Amino acid sequence: MEFRSSEVMAYILNYGNSHEHPLNKTQAQKLLYCCYGAILAQFDERLTDEHPKAWPYGPVFPRTVNDINKKRLTLDMAQNFEANCPPEWLELIHKTLRTFWNYTATQLSTWSHRKDSPWSKADALNSLDDREIKNYFDPYLKIIDERGQNGNS
């Protein structure tokens, strides 16, 4: 099951705002990447219909950048995603957001650039490999489960 990347991004931005964690564009991109990776690692399925690309500042979902810049993301998109997303996926997304949203855009970009990260293995501007993303996020699932328990979902 894949969702439009823009709907997931709308959901992430709305979720952050509703939990008093407004996100800037770079943070939101990295959080979408974290959610994409967590879903891939836990359920072996892609969260979005768009692959993250290896842009200079880390993984980016280009369609969502365009939609954010042109103010095309809506509450209806966020609600549509929430209504159609499996509950176990939403739970993992919430835990993932709570685990990573206190990091700055710079910290998240630096983390995404680590040696042997999927971003570091991809050719510039090309899609990151889903197998690499799955393997990279697999060890983070335990951390996400433990740290993501705090707070309301």
C-alpha atoms as a PDB file:
ATOM      1  CA  MET A   1       0.000   0.000   0.000  1.00  0.00           C
ATOM      2  CA  GLU A   2       1.477   3.310  -1.069  1.00  0.00           C
ATOM      3  CA  PHE A   3       0.187   6.807  -0.425  1.00  0.00           C
ATOM      4  CA  ARG A   4       0.794  10.009  -2.309  1.00  0.00           C
ATOM      5  CA  SER A   5       3.884  11.582  -0.790  1.00  0.00           C
ATOM      6  CA  SER A   6       2.113  14.944  -0.586  1.00  0.00           C
ATOM      7  CA  GLU A   7      -0.706  13.489   1.502  1.00  0.00           C
ATOM      8  CA  VAL A   8       1.789  11.976   3.925  1.00  0.00           C
ATOM      9  CA  MET A   9       3.693  15.271   4.078  1.00  0.00           C
ATOM     10  CA  ALA A  10       0.456  17.160   4.762  1.00  0.00           C
ATOM     11  CA  TYR A  11      -0.250  14.714   7.574  1.00  0.00           C
ATOM     12  CA  ILE A  12       3.241  15.106   9.084  1.00  0.00           C
ATOM     13  CA  LEU A  13       3.036  18.905   9.023  1.00  0.00           C
ATOM     14  CA  ASN A  14      -0.467  18.877  10.492  1.00  0.00           C
ATOM     15  CA  TYR A  15       0.495  16.335  13.171  1.00  0.00           C
ATOM     16  CA  GLY A  16       3.489  18.449  14.176  1.00  0.00           C
ATOM     17  CA  ASN A  17       1.380  21.596  14.405  1.00  0.00           C
ATOM     18  CA  SER A  18      -1.359  19.866  16.391  1.00  0.00           C
ATOM     19  CA  HIS A  19       1.249  18.624  18.892  1.00  0.00           C
ATOM     20  CA  GLU A  20       2.975  22.017  19.193  1.00  0.00           C
ATOM     21  CA  HIS A  21       5.961  20.894  17.124  1.00  0.00           C
ATOM     22  CA  PRO A  22       5.806  23.090  14.023  1.00  0.00           C
ATOM     23  CA  LEU A  23       8.344  21.886  11.473  1.00  0.00           C
ATOM     24  CA  ASN A  24      10.356  23.715   8.871  1.00  0.00           C
ATOM     25  CA  LYS A  25      10.642  22.326   5.330  1.00  0.00           C
ATOM     26  CA  THR A  26      13.950  20.565   5.897  1.00  0.00           C
ATOM     27  CA  GLN A  27      12.798  18.927   9.135  1.00  0.00           C
ATOM     28  CA  ALA A  28       9.589  17.824   7.448  1.00  0.00           C
ATOM     29  CA  GLN A  29      11.541  16.263   4.559  1.00  0.00           C
ATOM     30  CA  LYS A  30      13.774  14.324   6.932  1.00  0.00           C
ATOM     31  CA  LEU A  31      10.811  13.217   9.042  1.00  0.00           C
ATOM     32  CA  LEU A  32       9.028  11.955   5.939  1.00  0.00           C
ATOM     33  CA  TYR A  33      12.209  10.046   5.113  1.00  0.00           C
ATOM     34  CA  CYS A  34      12.307   8.600   8.650  1.00  0.00           C
ATOM     35  CA  CYS A  35       8.672   7.515   8.397  1.00  0.00           C
ATOM     36  CA  TYR A  36       9.316   6.027   4.955  1.00  0.00           C
ATOM     37  CA  GLY A  37      12.294   4.105   6.349  1.00  0.00           C
ATOM     38  CA  ALA A  38      10.487   2.901   9.465  1.00  0.00           C
ATOM     39  CA  ILE A  39       7.497   1.590   7.475  1.00  0.00           C
ATOM     40  CA  LEU A  40       9.829  -0.108   5.015  1.00  0.00           C
ATOM     41  CA  ALA A  41      11.840  -1.723   7.835  1.00  0.00           C
ATOM     42  CA  GLN A  42       8.818  -2.811   9.903  1.00  0.00           C
ATOM     43  CA  PHE A  43       6.334  -3.844   7.219  1.00  0.00           C
ATOM     44  CA  ASP A  44       8.493  -4.303   4.104  1.00  0.00           C
ATOM     45  CA  GLU A  45       6.203  -1.919   2.214  1.00  0.00           C
ATOM     46  CA  ARG A  46       6.689   1.549   0.805  1.00  0.00           C
ATOM     47  CA  LEU A  47       4.883   4.387   2.549  1.00  0.00           C
ATOM     48  CA  THR A  48       4.790   6.672  -0.477  1.00  0.00           C
ATOM     49  CA  ASP A  49       4.481   6.456  -4.234  1.00  0.00           C
ATOM     50  CA  GLU A  50       7.579   8.650  -4.519  1.00  0.00           C
ATOM     51  CA  HIS A  51      11.122   7.498  -3.750  1.00  0.00           C
ATOM     52  CA  PRO A  52      13.374   9.800  -1.746  1.00  0.00           C
ATOM     53  CA  LYS A  53      16.071  11.378  -3.908  1.00  0.00           C
ATOM     54  CA  ALA A  54      19.716  12.066  -3.022  1.00  0.00           C
ATOM     55  CA  TRP A  55      19.713  15.851  -2.944  1.00  0.00           C
ATOM     56  CA  PRO A  56      22.675  17.845  -1.551  1.00  0.00           C
ATOM     57  CA  TYR A  57      21.156  18.308   1.935  1.00  0.00           C
ATOM     58  CA  GLY A  58      19.969  14.722   2.269  1.00  0.00           C
ATOM     59  CA  PRO A  59      16.997  12.643   1.197  1.00  0.00           C
ATOM     60  CA  VAL A  60      14.194  14.685  -0.345  1.00  0.00           C
ATOM     61  CA  PHE A  61      10.790  13.900  -1.850  1.00  0.00           C
ATOM     62  CA  PRO A  62      10.752  16.409  -4.751  1.00  0.00           C
ATOM     63  CA  ARG A  63       6.978  16.463  -5.292  1.00  0.00           C
ATOM     64  CA  THR A  64       6.440  17.480  -1.677  1.00  0.00           C
ATOM     65  CA  VAL A  65       9.002  20.292  -1.960  1.00  0.00           C
ATOM     66  CA  ASN A  66       7.074  21.671  -4.900  1.00  0.00           C
ATOM     67  CA  ASP A  67       3.742  21.292  -3.102  1.00  0.00           C
ATOM     68  CA  ILE A  68       5.048  22.978   0.056  1.00  0.00           C
ATOM     69  CA  ASN A  69       6.529  25.865  -1.936  1.00  0.00           C
ATOM     70  CA  LYS A  70       3.305  26.345  -3.895  1.00  0.00           C
ATOM     71  CA  LYS A  71       1.168  25.951  -0.742  1.00  0.00           C
ATOM     72  CA  ARG A  72      -0.739  22.978  -2.176  1.00  0.00           C
ATOM     73  CA  LEU A  73      -0.824  20.849   0.971  1.00  0.00           C
ATOM     74  CA  THR A  74      -4.231  20.872   2.637  1.00  0.00           C
ATOM     75  CA  LEU A  75      -5.925  19.619   5.762  1.00  0.00           C
ATOM     76  CA  ASP A  76      -8.124  17.451   3.520  1.00  0.00           C
ATOM     77  CA  MET A  77      -5.006  15.701   2.225  1.00  0.00           C
ATOM     78  CA  ALA A  78      -3.838  15.026   5.788  1.00  0.00           C
ATOM     79  CA  GLN A  79      -7.267  13.731   6.794  1.00  0.00           C
ATOM     80  CA  ASN A  80      -7.485  11.511   3.713  1.00  0.00           C
ATOM     81  CA  PHE A  81      -4.148   9.939   4.574  1.00  0.00           C
ATOM     82  CA  GLU A  82      -5.174   9.392   8.199  1.00  0.00           C
ATOM     83  CA  ALA A  83      -8.497   7.824   7.184  1.00  0.00           C
ATOM     84  CA  ASN A  84      -6.868   5.365   4.785  1.00  0.00           C
ATOM     85  CA  CYS A  85      -3.637   4.522   6.581  1.00  0.00           C
ATOM     86  CA  PRO A  86      -3.577   1.200   8.459  1.00  0.00           C
ATOM     87  CA  PRO A  87      -3.687   1.811  12.238  1.00  0.00           C
ATOM     88  CA  GLU A  88      -0.431  -0.072  12.845  1.00  0.00           C
ATOM     89  CA  TRP A  89       1.295   2.167  10.288  1.00  0.00           C
ATOM     90  CA  LEU A  90      -0.093   5.319  11.927  1.00  0.00           C
ATOM     91  CA  GLU A  91       1.131   4.135  15.310  1.00  0.00           C
ATOM     92  CA  LEU A  92       4.644   3.622  13.920  1.00  0.00           C
ATOM     93  CA  ILE A  93       4.525   6.985  12.122  1.00  0.00           C
ATOM     94  CA  HIS A  94       3.547   8.727  15.374  1.00  0.00           C
ATOM     95  CA  LYS A  95       6.356   7.006  17.269  1.00  0.00           C
ATOM     96  CA  THR A  96       8.817   7.902  14.508  1.00  0.00           C
ATOM     97  CA  LEU A  97       7.775  11.551  14.525  1.00  0.00           C
ATOM     98  CA  ARG A  98       8.045  11.756  18.316  1.00  0.00           C
ATOM     99  CA  THR A  99      11.490  10.121  18.168  1.00  0.00           C
ATOM    100  CA  PHE A 100      12.970  12.516  15.618  1.00  0.00           C
ATOM    101  CA  TRP A 101      11.051  15.805  15.708  1.00  0.00           C
ATOM    102  CA  ASN A 102      13.130  17.452  18.441  1.00  0.00           C
ATOM    103  CA  TYR A 103      16.224  17.332  16.236  1.00  0.00           C
ATOM    104  CA  THR A 104      17.016  20.433  14.213  1.00  0.00           C
ATOM    105  CA  ALA A 105      17.056  20.453  10.426  1.00  0.00           C
ATOM    106  CA  THR A 106      20.863  20.584  10.561  1.00  0.00           C
ATOM    107  CA  GLN A 107      21.083  17.620  12.931  1.00  0.00           C
ATOM    108  CA  LEU A 108      18.708  15.562  10.777  1.00  0.00           C
ATOM    109  CA  SER A 109      20.613  16.451   7.607  1.00  0.00           C
ATOM    110  CA  THR A 110      23.920  15.533   9.229  1.00  0.00           C
ATOM    111  CA  TRP A 111      22.458  12.235  10.433  1.00  0.00           C
ATOM    112  CA  SER A 112      21.118  11.425   6.973  1.00  0.00           C
ATOM    113  CA  HIS A 113      24.617  12.023   5.527  1.00  0.00           C
ATOM    114  CA  ARG A 114      26.364   9.496   7.733  1.00  0.00           C
ATOM    115  CA  LYS A 115      28.865   7.183   6.128  1.00  0.00           C
ATOM    116  CA  ASP A 116      27.112   4.071   4.798  1.00  0.00           C
ATOM    117  CA  SER A 117      23.694   5.760   4.906  1.00  0.00           C
ATOM    118  CA  PRO A 118      21.393   5.134   1.931  1.00  0.00           C
ATOM    119  CA  TRP A 119      21.946   8.777   0.896  1.00  0.00           C
ATOM    120  CA  SER A 120      25.745   8.329   0.909  1.00  0.00           C
ATOM    121  CA  LYS A 121      25.438   5.274  -1.348  1.00  0.00           C
ATOM    122  CA  ALA A 122      23.142   6.886  -3.917  1.00  0.00           C
ATOM    123  CA  ASP A 123      24.230   8.809  -6.975  1.00  0.00           C
ATOM    124  CA  ALA A 124      23.516  12.530  -6.702  1.00  0.00           C
ATOM    125  CA  LEU A 125      19.902  13.449  -7.469  1.00  0.00           C
ATOM    126  CA  ASN A 126      18.894   9.797  -8.019  1.00  0.00           C
ATOM    127  CA  SER A 127      16.521   7.683  -5.949  1.00  0.00           C
ATOM    128  CA  LEU A 128      17.778   6.014  -2.807  1.00  0.00           C
ATOM    129  CA  ASP A 129      17.634   2.213  -2.856  1.00  0.00           C
ATOM    130  CA  ASP A 130      14.722   0.809  -0.823  1.00  0.00           C
ATOM    131  CA  ARG A 131      16.786  -2.201   0.289  1.00  0.00           C
ATOM    132  CA  GLU A 132      19.440   0.135   1.663  1.00  0.00           C
ATOM    133  CA  ILE A 133      16.785   2.223   3.423  1.00  0.00           C
ATOM    134  CA  LYS A 134      15.147  -0.877   4.930  1.00  0.00           C
ATOM    135  CA  ASN A 135      18.479  -2.191   6.215  1.00  0.00           C
ATOM    136  CA  TYR A 136      19.500   1.228   7.542  1.00  0.00           C
ATOM    137  CA  PHE A 137      16.285   1.724   9.501  1.00  0.00           C
ATOM    138  CA  ASP A 138      15.942  -1.811  10.831  1.00  0.00           C
ATOM    139  CA  PRO A 139      18.167  -1.175  13.899  1.00  0.00           C
ATOM    140  CA  TYR A 140      16.309   2.085  14.565  1.00  0.00           C
ATOM    141  CA  LEU A 141      12.964   0.304  15.054  1.00  0.00           C
ATOM    142  CA  LYS A 142      13.798  -0.568  18.665  1.00  0.00           C
ATOM    143  CA  ILE A 143      14.825   3.032  19.387  1.00  0.00           C
ATOM    144  CA  ILE A 144      11.674   4.342  17.698  1.00  0.00           C
ATOM    145  CA  ASP A 145       9.526   1.962  19.715  1.00  0.00           C
ATOM    146  CA  GLU A 146      11.162   2.951  23.025  1.00  0.00           C
ATOM    147  CA  ARG A 147      11.510   6.701  22.503  1.00  0.00           C
ATOM    148  CA  GLY A 148       8.285   7.108  20.573  1.00  0.00           C
ATOM    149  CA  GLN A 149       6.190   5.855  23.487  1.00  0.00           C
ATOM    150  CA  ASN A 150       6.377   9.257  25.153  1.00  0.00           C
ATOM    151  CA  GLY A 151       3.651  11.708  24.333  1.00  0.00           C
ATOM    152  CA  ASN A 152       0.212  11.374  22.849  1.00  0.00           C
ATOM    153  CA  SER A 153      -0.378   9.935  19.418  1.00  0.00           C
END
